[in-house]
Amino acid sequence: MHDIAALLGPARTASLAALSAEVSPRTLTRWLGAGRLVRLHPGWVTLPECVDDWSVRRMRRPATRAGH
């Protein structure tokens, strides 16, 4: 059994790519389907209880294109 919060680290968010190095894609799919992880931004996830936390959201704000 994995400790999801520990995998996310102190930022309480992580990229799916980084998590894929720690757990299988099937596990990530299961966690997302069960609501144990939620998508924060494309390619980034967090815990459901952290999704509205501004400090988590600003950690992984998607980059915007210059001039847009």
C-alpha atoms as a PDB file:
ATOM      1  CA  MET A   1       0.000   0.000   0.000  1.00  0.00           C
ATOM      2  CA  HIS A   2       1.297   3.430  -0.960  1.00  0.00           C
ATOM      3  CA  ASP A   3       1.034   6.606   1.083  1.00  0.00           C
ATOM      4  CA  ILE A   4      -0.259   8.995  -1.585  1.00  0.00           C
ATOM      5  CA  ALA A   5       0.472  12.111   0.479  1.00  0.00           C
ATOM      6  CA  ALA A   6       4.075  10.996   0.927  1.00  0.00           C
ATOM      7  CA  LEU A   7       4.406  10.388  -2.816  1.00  0.00           C
ATOM      8  CA  LEU A   8       3.155  13.915  -3.513  1.00  0.00           C
ATOM      9  CA  GLY A   9       5.635  15.410  -1.069  1.00  0.00           C
ATOM     10  CA  PRO A  10       5.457  18.742   0.739  1.00  0.00           C
ATOM     11  CA  ALA A  11       4.011  20.551  -2.297  1.00  0.00           C
ATOM     12  CA  ARG A  12       0.984  18.202  -2.070  1.00  0.00           C
ATOM     13  CA  THR A  13       0.924  17.996  -5.862  1.00  0.00           C
ATOM     14  CA  ALA A  14       2.942  16.099  -8.441  1.00  0.00           C
ATOM     15  CA  SER A  15       3.060  15.455 -12.133  1.00  0.00           C
ATOM     16  CA  LEU A  16       1.629  12.231 -13.441  1.00  0.00           C
ATOM     17  CA  ALA A  17       5.021  11.590 -15.034  1.00  0.00           C
ATOM     18  CA  ALA A  18       6.774  11.816 -11.661  1.00  0.00           C
ATOM     19  CA  LEU A  19       4.211   9.568  -9.992  1.00  0.00           C
ATOM     20  CA  SER A  20       4.521   7.059 -12.830  1.00  0.00           C
ATOM     21  CA  ALA A  21       8.119   6.527 -11.753  1.00  0.00           C
ATOM     22  CA  GLU A  22       6.852   5.437  -8.329  1.00  0.00           C
ATOM     23  CA  VAL A  23       3.661   3.492  -9.104  1.00  0.00           C
ATOM     24  CA  SER A  24       2.154   1.774 -12.113  1.00  0.00           C
ATOM     25  CA  PRO A  25      -0.101   3.612 -14.559  1.00  0.00           C
ATOM     26  CA  ARG A  26      -2.865   1.205 -13.542  1.00  0.00           C
ATOM     27  CA  THR A  27      -2.535   2.317  -9.917  1.00  0.00           C
ATOM     28  CA  LEU A  28      -2.750   5.978 -10.953  1.00  0.00           C
ATOM     29  CA  THR A  29      -5.854   5.250 -13.025  1.00  0.00           C
ATOM     30  CA  ARG A  30      -7.410   3.428 -10.071  1.00  0.00           C
ATOM     31  CA  TRP A  31      -6.633   6.294  -7.672  1.00  0.00           C
ATOM     32  CA  LEU A  32      -8.089   8.855 -10.064  1.00  0.00           C
ATOM     33  CA  GLY A  33     -11.201   6.728 -10.643  1.00  0.00           C
ATOM     34  CA  ALA A  34     -11.726   6.230  -6.920  1.00  0.00           C
ATOM     35  CA  GLY A  35     -11.246   9.938  -6.172  1.00  0.00           C
ATOM     36  CA  ARG A  36      -8.106   9.375  -4.097  1.00  0.00           C
ATOM     37  CA  LEU A  37      -6.311  11.716  -6.532  1.00  0.00           C
ATOM     38  CA  VAL A  38      -7.830  14.552  -8.561  1.00  0.00           C
ATOM     39  CA  ARG A  39      -6.562  16.428 -11.593  1.00  0.00           C
ATOM     40  CA  LEU A  40      -5.348  19.877 -10.669  1.00  0.00           C
ATOM     41  CA  HIS A  41      -4.104  20.968 -14.095  1.00  0.00           C
ATOM     42  CA  PRO A  42      -3.333  18.921 -17.208  1.00  0.00           C
ATOM     43  CA  GLY A  43      -0.676  16.422 -16.170  1.00  0.00           C
ATOM     44  CA  TRP A  44      -0.794  17.371 -12.466  1.00  0.00           C
ATOM     45  CA  VAL A  45      -2.691  15.797  -9.568  1.00  0.00           C
ATOM     46  CA  THR A  46      -3.328  16.443  -5.905  1.00  0.00           C
ATOM     47  CA  LEU A  47      -5.370  15.044  -3.042  1.00  0.00           C
ATOM     48  CA  PRO A  48      -9.092  15.873  -3.042  1.00  0.00           C
ATOM     49  CA  GLU A  49      -8.767  17.821   0.198  1.00  0.00           C
ATOM     50  CA  CYS A  50      -6.046  20.026  -1.360  1.00  0.00           C
ATOM     51  CA  VAL A  51      -7.753  20.965  -4.616  1.00  0.00           C
ATOM     52  CA  ASP A  52      -9.063  24.307  -3.319  1.00  0.00           C
ATOM     53  CA  ASP A  53      -5.881  25.209  -1.410  1.00  0.00           C
ATOM     54  CA  TRP A  54      -4.415  28.265  -3.154  1.00  0.00           C
ATOM     55  CA  SER A  55      -0.862  27.307  -2.174  1.00  0.00           C
ATOM     56  CA  VAL A  56      -1.227  23.960  -3.972  1.00  0.00           C
ATOM     57  CA  ARG A  57      -2.890  25.517  -7.017  1.00  0.00           C
ATOM     58  CA  ARG A  58      -0.186  28.148  -7.454  1.00  0.00           C
ATOM     59  CA  MET A  59       2.599  25.556  -7.210  1.00  0.00           C
ATOM     60  CA  ARG A  60       1.648  24.035 -10.548  1.00  0.00           C
ATOM     61  CA  ARG A  61      -0.132  26.791 -12.427  1.00  0.00           C
ATOM     62  CA  PRO A  62       0.033  25.978 -16.132  1.00  0.00           C
ATOM     63  CA  ALA A  63       2.449  28.131 -18.077  1.00  0.00           C
ATOM     64  CA  THR A  64       0.853  30.644 -20.382  1.00  0.00           C
ATOM     65  CA  ARG A  65       2.202  31.537 -23.766  1.00  0.00           C
ATOM     66  CA  ALA A  66       3.903  34.878 -24.121  1.00  0.00           C
ATOM     67  CA  GLY A  67       1.590  37.471 -25.587  1.00  0.00           C
ATOM     68  CA  HIS A  68      -1.631  35.579 -24.737  1.00  0.00           C
END
